[in-house]
All heavy atoms as atom14 arrays in JSON, in Angstrom:
{
  "sequence": "HGCPLRCQFCHNPDTWGSNKYEEMSADQILRQ",
  "atom14_mask": [
    [1, 1, 1, 1, 1, 1, 1, 1, 1, 1, 0, 0, 0, 0],
    [1, 1, 1, 1, 0, 0, 0, 0, 0, 0, 0, 0, 0, 0],
    [1, 1, 1, 1, 1, 1, 0, 0, 0, 0, 0, 0, 0, 0],
    [1, 1, 1, 1, 1, 1, 1, 0, 0, 0, 0, 0, 0, 0],
    [1, 1, 1, 1, 1, 1, 1, 1, 0, 0, 0, 0, 0, 0],
    [1, 1, 1, 1, 1, 1, 1, 1, 1, 1, 1, 0, 0, 0],
    [1, 1, 1, 1, 1, 1, 0, 0, 0, 0, 0, 0, 0, 0],
    [1, 1, 1, 1, 1, 1, 1, 1, 1, 0, 0, 0, 0, 0],
    [1, 1, 1, 1, 1, 1, 1, 1, 1, 1, 1, 0, 0, 0],
    [1, 1, 1, 1, 1, 1, 0, 0, 0, 0, 0, 0, 0, 0],
    [1, 1, 1, 1, 1, 1, 1, 1, 1, 1, 0, 0, 0, 0],
    [1, 1, 1, 1, 1, 1, 1, 1, 0, 0, 0, 0, 0, 0],
    [1, 1, 1, 1, 1, 1, 1, 0, 0, 0, 0, 0, 0, 0],
    [1, 1, 1, 1, 1, 1, 1, 1, 0, 0, 0, 0, 0, 0],
    [1, 1, 1, 1, 1, 1, 1, 0, 0, 0, 0, 0, 0, 0],
    [1, 1, 1, 1, 1, 1, 1, 1, 1, 1, 1, 1, 1, 1],
    [1, 1, 1, 1, 0, 0, 0, 0, 0, 0, 0, 0, 0, 0],
    [1, 1, 1, 1, 1, 1, 0, 0, 0, 0, 0, 0, 0, 0],
    [1, 1, 1, 1, 1, 1, 1, 1, 0, 0, 0, 0, 0, 0],
    [1, 1, 1, 1, 1, 1, 1, 1, 1, 0, 0, 0, 0, 0],
    [1, 1, 1, 1, 1, 1, 1, 1, 1, 1, 1, 1, 0, 0],
    [1, 1, 1, 1, 1, 1, 1, 1, 1, 0, 0, 0, 0, 0],
    [1, 1, 1, 1, 1, 1, 1, 1, 1, 0, 0, 0, 0, 0],
    [1, 1, 1, 1, 1, 1, 1, 1, 0, 0, 0, 0, 0, 0],
    [1, 1, 1, 1, 1, 1, 0, 0, 0, 0, 0, 0, 0, 0],
    [1, 1, 1, 1, 1, 0, 0, 0, 0, 0, 0, 0, 0, 0],
    [1, 1, 1, 1, 1, 1, 1, 1, 0, 0, 0, 0, 0, 0],
    [1, 1, 1, 1, 1, 1, 1, 1, 1, 0, 0, 0, 0, 0],
    [1, 1, 1, 1, 1, 1, 1, 1, 0, 0, 0, 0, 0, 0],
    [1, 1, 1, 1, 1, 1, 1, 1, 0, 0, 0, 0, 0, 0],
    [1, 1, 1, 1, 1, 1, 1, 1, 1, 1, 1, 0, 0, 0],
    [1, 1, 1, 1, 1, 1, 1, 1, 1, 0, 0, 0, 0, 0]
  ],
  "atom14_positions": [
    [[-0.79, 1.68, 0.12], [-1.8, 0.63, 0.04], [-2.99, 1.09, -0.8], [-3.38, 2.25, -0.73], [-2.27, 0.29, 1.46], [-3.16, -0.9, 1.55], [-2.68, -2.19, 1.54], [-4.51, -1.01, 1.64], [-3.68, -3.03, 1.65], [-4.81, -2.34, 1.7], [0.0, 0.0, 0.0], [0.0, 0.0, 0.0], [0.0, 0.0, 0.0], [0.0, 0.0, 0.0]],
    [[-3.55, 0.17, -1.59], [-4.75, 0.47, -2.37], [-4.46, 0.72, -3.83], [-3.46, 1.36, -4.18], [0.0, 0.0, 0.0], [0.0, 0.0, 0.0], [0.0, 0.0, 0.0], [0.0, 0.0, 0.0], [0.0, 0.0, 0.0], [0.0, 0.0, 0.0], [0.0, 0.0, 0.0], [0.0, 0.0, 0.0], [0.0, 0.0, 0.0], [0.0, 0.0, 0.0]],
    [[-5.32, 0.21, -4.72], [-5.15, 0.42, -6.17], [-6.49, 0.19, -6.87], [-7.21, -0.76, -6.53], [-4.11, -0.54, -6.72], [-3.71, -0.22, -8.46], [0.0, 0.0, 0.0], [0.0, 0.0, 0.0], [0.0, 0.0, 0.0], [0.0, 0.0, 0.0], [0.0, 0.0, 0.0], [0.0, 0.0, 0.0], [0.0, 0.0, 0.0], [0.0, 0.0, 0.0]],
    [[-6.84, 1.05, -7.85], [-8.1, 0.86, -8.59], [-7.98, -0.17, -9.71], [-8.99, -0.64, -10.22], [-8.37, 2.25, -9.17], [-7.01, 2.82, -9.38], [-6.17, 2.3, -8.24], [0.0, 0.0, 0.0], [0.0, 0.0, 0.0], [0.0, 0.0, 0.0], [0.0, 0.0, 0.0], [0.0, 0.0, 0.0], [0.0, 0.0, 0.0], [0.0, 0.0, 0.0]],
    [[-6.75, -0.53, -10.1], [-6.55, -1.51, -11.16], [-6.38, -2.9, -10.56], [-6.04, -3.04, -9.38], [-5.32, -1.16, -12.0], [-5.28, 0.21, -12.67], [-4.06, 0.34, -13.56], [-6.55, 0.48, -13.48], [0.0, 0.0, 0.0], [0.0, 0.0, 0.0], [0.0, 0.0, 0.0], [0.0, 0.0, 0.0], [0.0, 0.0, 0.0], [0.0, 0.0, 0.0]],
    [[-6.58, -3.9, -11.38], [-6.36, -5.29, -10.98], [-5.51, -5.98, -12.05], [-5.97, -6.87, -12.76], [-7.7, -6.02, -10.8], [-8.54, -5.49, -9.63], [-7.86, -5.79, -8.3], [-8.62, -5.32, -7.15], [-8.43, -4.16, -6.54], [-7.5, -3.32, -7.01], [-9.12, -3.8, -5.49], [0.0, 0.0, 0.0], [0.0, 0.0, 0.0], [0.0, 0.0, 0.0]],
    [[-4.27, -5.51, -12.15], [-3.38, -6.01, -13.21], [-3.09, -7.49, -13.02], [-2.78, -7.94, -11.91], [-2.07, -5.22, -13.21], [-2.3, -3.47, -13.58], [0.0, 0.0, 0.0], [0.0, 0.0, 0.0], [0.0, 0.0, 0.0], [0.0, 0.0, 0.0], [0.0, 0.0, 0.0], [0.0, 0.0, 0.0], [0.0, 0.0, 0.0], [0.0, 0.0, 0.0]],
    [[-3.17, -8.23, -14.11], [-2.95, -9.67, -14.05], [-1.52, -10.03, -13.66], [-1.28, -11.13, -13.19], [-3.3, -10.31, -15.4], [-4.78, -10.24, -15.74], [-5.09, -10.88, -17.08], [-4.22, -11.12, -17.9], [-6.37, -11.16, -17.31], [0.0, 0.0, 0.0], [0.0, 0.0, 0.0], [0.0, 0.0, 0.0], [0.0, 0.0, 0.0], [0.0, 0.0, 0.0]],
    [[-0.59, -9.1, -13.84], [0.81, -9.38, -13.5], [1.23, -8.72, -12.19], [2.42, -8.73, -11.85], [1.74, -8.88, -14.62], [1.57, -7.42, -14.95], [2.18, -6.45, -14.16], [0.81, -7.01, -16.03], [2.03, -5.1, -14.45], [0.65, -5.67, -16.33], [1.26, -4.71, -15.53], [0.0, 0.0, 0.0], [0.0, 0.0, 0.0], [0.0, 0.0, 0.0]],
    [[0.3, -8.17, -11.42], [0.64, -7.38, -10.23], [1.53, -8.18, -9.27], [1.24, -9.34, -8.95], [-0.63, -6.96, -9.51], [-0.31, -5.94, -8.05], [0.0, 0.0, 0.0], [0.0, 0.0, 0.0], [0.0, 0.0, 0.0], [0.0, 0.0, 0.0], [0.0, 0.0, 0.0], [0.0, 0.0, 0.0], [0.0, 0.0, 0.0], [0.0, 0.0, 0.0]],
    [[2.63, -7.56, -8.82], [3.49, -8.24, -7.85], [3.23, -7.77, -6.43], [3.9, -8.21, -5.5], [4.97, -8.06, -8.23], [5.42, -6.64, -8.33], [5.37, -5.91, -9.5], [5.94, -5.81, -7.41], [5.83, -4.7, -9.29], [6.18, -4.61, -8.03], [0.0, 0.0, 0.0], [0.0, 0.0, 0.0], [0.0, 0.0, 0.0], [0.0, 0.0, 0.0]],
    [[2.23, -6.88, -6.25], [1.81, -6.49, -4.9], [0.29, -6.59, -4.74], [-0.37, -5.63, -4.36], [2.25, -5.04, -4.59], [3.71, -4.93, -4.26], [4.31, -5.84, -3.72], [4.31, -3.79, -4.58], [0.0, 0.0, 0.0], [0.0, 0.0, 0.0], [0.0, 0.0, 0.0], [0.0, 0.0, 0.0], [0.0, 0.0, 0.0], [0.0, 0.0, 0.0]],
    [[-0.32, -7.77, -5.03], [-1.77, -7.88, -4.91], [-2.25, -7.7, -3.46], [-3.44, -7.45, -3.23], [-2.08, -9.29, -5.42], [-0.81, -10.05, -5.19], [0.29, -9.06, -5.42], [0.0, 0.0, 0.0], [0.0, 0.0, 0.0], [0.0, 0.0, 0.0], [0.0, 0.0, 0.0], [0.0, 0.0, 0.0], [0.0, 0.0, 0.0], [0.0, 0.0, 0.0]],
    [[-1.32, -7.79, -2.52], [-1.69, -7.58, -1.12], [-1.98, -6.11, -0.82], [-2.43, -5.77, 0.28], [-0.61, -8.12, -0.17], [0.81, -7.78, -0.6], [1.02, -7.49, -1.79], [1.71, -7.8, 0.25], [0.0, 0.0, 0.0], [0.0, 0.0, 0.0], [0.0, 0.0, 0.0], [0.0, 0.0, 0.0], [0.0, 0.0, 0.0], [0.0, 0.0, 0.0]],
    [[-1.73, -5.22, -1.8], [-2.1, -3.8, -1.61], [-3.55, -3.54, -2.02], [-4.05, -2.44, -1.82], [-1.2, -2.86, -2.44], [-1.44, -3.08, -3.83], [0.27, -3.07, -2.12], [0.0, 0.0, 0.0], [0.0, 0.0, 0.0], [0.0, 0.0, 0.0], [0.0, 0.0, 0.0], [0.0, 0.0, 0.0], [0.0, 0.0, 0.0], [0.0, 0.0, 0.0]],
    [[-4.22, -4.52, -2.63], [-5.54, -4.28, -3.17], [-6.59, -4.05, -2.09], [-7.33, -3.09, -2.14], [-5.99, -5.46, -4.05], [-5.23, -5.57, -5.33], [-4.32, -4.69, -5.82], [-5.3, -6.65, -6.26], [-3.82, -5.14, -7.02], [-4.41, -6.34, -7.32], [-6.03, -7.83, -6.32], [-4.24, -7.18, -8.41], [-5.86, -8.67, -7.41], [-4.98, -8.34, -8.44]],
    [[-6.68, -4.96, -1.12], [-7.76, -4.83, -0.17], [-7.52, -5.5, 1.17], [-8.42, -5.6, 1.99], [0.0, 0.0, 0.0], [0.0, 0.0, 0.0], [0.0, 0.0, 0.0], [0.0, 0.0, 0.0], [0.0, 0.0, 0.0], [0.0, 0.0, 0.0], [0.0, 0.0, 0.0], [0.0, 0.0, 0.0], [0.0, 0.0, 0.0], [0.0, 0.0, 0.0]],
    [[-6.31, -5.97, 1.39], [-6.01, -6.62, 2.66], [-5.85, -5.58, 3.76], [-5.9, -4.38, 3.52], [-4.73, -7.45, 2.54], [-3.6, -6.59, 2.53], [0.0, 0.0, 0.0], [0.0, 0.0, 0.0], [0.0, 0.0, 0.0], [0.0, 0.0, 0.0], [0.0, 0.0, 0.0], [0.0, 0.0, 0.0], [0.0, 0.0, 0.0], [0.0, 0.0, 0.0]],
    [[-5.65, -6.04, 4.97], [-5.4, -5.12, 6.09], [-3.93, -5.06, 6.44], [-3.56, -4.64, 7.55], [-6.22, -5.58, 7.32], [-7.71, -5.44, 7.09], [-8.16, -4.45, 6.51], [-8.47, -6.42, 7.5], [0.0, 0.0, 0.0], [0.0, 0.0, 0.0], [0.0, 0.0, 0.0], [0.0, 0.0, 0.0], [0.0, 0.0, 0.0], [0.0, 0.0, 0.0]],
    [[-3.08, -5.48, 5.5], [-1.65, -5.5, 5.77], [-1.01, -4.15, 5.42], [-0.38, -3.99, 4.39], [-0.98, -6.61, 4.96], [-1.42, -8.01, 5.38], [-0.68, -9.06, 4.57], [-1.09, -10.46, 4.99], [-0.42, -11.5, 4.2], [0.0, 0.0, 0.0], [0.0, 0.0, 0.0], [0.0, 0.0, 0.0], [0.0, 0.0, 0.0], [0.0, 0.0, 0.0]],
    [[-1.26, -3.18, 6.26], [-0.63, -1.87, 6.07], [-0.44, -1.21, 7.43], [-1.07, -1.6, 8.43], [-1.45, -0.98, 5.14], [-2.84, -0.66, 5.62], [-3.07, 0.38, 6.54], [-3.95, -1.37, 5.14], [-4.34, 0.68, 6.98], [-5.23, -1.07, 5.57], [-5.42, -0.05, 6.48], [-6.68, 0.25, 6.92], [0.0, 0.0, 0.0], [0.0, 0.0, 0.0]],
    [[0.44, -0.21, 7.42], [0.69, 0.56, 8.64], [0.31, 2.01, 8.39], [0.61, 2.55, 7.32], [2.18, 0.47, 9.01], [2.57, 1.26, 10.25], [4.06, 1.21, 10.55], [4.79, 0.52, 9.81], [4.48, 1.87, 11.51], [0.0, 0.0, 0.0], [0.0, 0.0, 0.0], [0.0, 0.0, 0.0], [0.0, 0.0, 0.0], [0.0, 0.0, 0.0]],
    [[-0.37, 2.62, 9.33], [-0.7, 4.04, 9.19], [0.47, 4.88, 9.69], [0.96, 4.7, 10.8], [-1.97, 4.37, 9.97], [-3.22, 3.76, 9.35], [-4.5, 4.32, 9.94], [-4.44, 4.87, 11.06], [-5.55, 4.21, 9.29], [0.0, 0.0, 0.0], [0.0, 0.0, 0.0], [0.0, 0.0, 0.0], [0.0, 0.0, 0.0], [0.0, 0.0, 0.0]],
    [[0.92, 5.8, 8.82], [2.05, 6.67, 9.16], [1.74, 8.1, 8.74], [1.05, 8.33, 7.74], [3.33, 6.19, 8.46], [3.78, 4.79, 8.84], [5.3, 4.3, 7.97], [6.52, 5.38, 8.74], [0.0, 0.0, 0.0], [0.0, 0.0, 0.0], [0.0, 0.0, 0.0], [0.0, 0.0, 0.0], [0.0, 0.0, 0.0], [0.0, 0.0, 0.0]],
    [[2.28, 9.05, 9.48], [2.12, 10.46, 9.12], [3.23, 10.87, 8.16], [4.26, 10.18, 8.03], [2.18, 11.34, 10.37], [3.5, 11.33, 10.92], [0.0, 0.0, 0.0], [0.0, 0.0, 0.0], [0.0, 0.0, 0.0], [0.0, 0.0, 0.0], [0.0, 0.0, 0.0], [0.0, 0.0, 0.0], [0.0, 0.0, 0.0], [0.0, 0.0, 0.0]],
    [[3.04, 12.0, 7.5], [4.07, 12.54, 6.61], [5.35, 12.82, 7.38], [6.46, 12.57, 6.89], [3.56, 13.81, 5.93], [0.0, 0.0, 0.0], [0.0, 0.0, 0.0], [0.0, 0.0, 0.0], [0.0, 0.0, 0.0], [0.0, 0.0, 0.0], [0.0, 0.0, 0.0], [0.0, 0.0, 0.0], [0.0, 0.0, 0.0], [0.0, 0.0, 0.0]],
    [[5.22, 13.33, 8.59], [6.4, 13.63, 9.41], [7.18, 12.37, 9.75], [8.41, 12.36, 9.73], [5.99, 14.35, 10.7], [5.54, 15.79, 10.45], [6.05, 16.4, 9.49], [4.68, 16.28, 11.2], [0.0, 0.0, 0.0], [0.0, 0.0, 0.0], [0.0, 0.0, 0.0], [0.0, 0.0, 0.0], [0.0, 0.0, 0.0], [0.0, 0.0, 0.0]],
    [[6.47, 11.3, 10.06], [7.14, 10.03, 10.37], [7.95, 9.53, 9.18], [9.1, 9.12, 9.33], [6.1, 8.97, 10.77], [5.54, 9.1, 12.16], [4.47, 8.06, 12.42], [3.43, 8.03, 11.75], [4.72, 7.19, 13.39], [0.0, 0.0, 0.0], [0.0, 0.0, 0.0], [0.0, 0.0, 0.0], [0.0, 0.0, 0.0], [0.0, 0.0, 0.0]],
    [[7.34, 9.55, 8.01], [8.03, 9.08, 6.81], [9.22, 9.96, 6.48], [10.31, 9.48, 6.16], [7.05, 9.01, 5.62], [6.09, 7.85, 5.83], [7.8, 8.86, 4.29], [5.03, 7.72, 4.77], [0.0, 0.0, 0.0], [0.0, 0.0, 0.0], [0.0, 0.0, 0.0], [0.0, 0.0, 0.0], [0.0, 0.0, 0.0], [0.0, 0.0, 0.0]],
    [[9.02, 11.27, 6.57], [10.09, 12.19, 6.22], [11.27, 12.06, 7.18], [12.43, 12.09, 6.75], [9.56, 13.63, 6.2], [10.39, 14.67, 5.45], [10.71, 14.21, 4.03], [9.66, 16.0, 5.42], [0.0, 0.0, 0.0], [0.0, 0.0, 0.0], [0.0, 0.0, 0.0], [0.0, 0.0, 0.0], [0.0, 0.0, 0.0], [0.0, 0.0, 0.0]],
    [[10.99, 11.9, 8.46], [12.07, 11.72, 9.42], [12.88, 10.47, 9.09], [14.11, 10.48, 9.12], [11.5, 11.59, 10.85], [11.23, 12.91, 11.54], [11.09, 12.74, 13.04], [10.04, 11.81, 13.4], [8.77, 12.17, 13.61], [8.4, 13.44, 13.47], [7.88, 11.28, 13.95], [0.0, 0.0, 0.0], [0.0, 0.0, 0.0], [0.0, 0.0, 0.0]],
    [[12.18, 9.42, 8.74], [12.85, 8.16, 8.39], [13.65, 8.32, 7.11], [14.79, 7.86, 7.0], [11.81, 7.05, 8.24], [12.4, 5.66, 8.15], [11.33, 4.58, 8.23], [10.26, 4.8, 8.79], [11.6, 3.42, 7.66], [0.0, 0.0, 0.0], [0.0, 0.0, 0.0], [0.0, 0.0, 0.0], [0.0, 0.0, 0.0], [0.0, 0.0, 0.0]]
  ]
}
């Protein structure tokens, strides 16, 4: 989540500043 650019063609604008994300640890991601 999060990006410093605001590309006009962005297909994930919901990563810019919304609260639609999950907090995960490195261990959680690696296990998955």
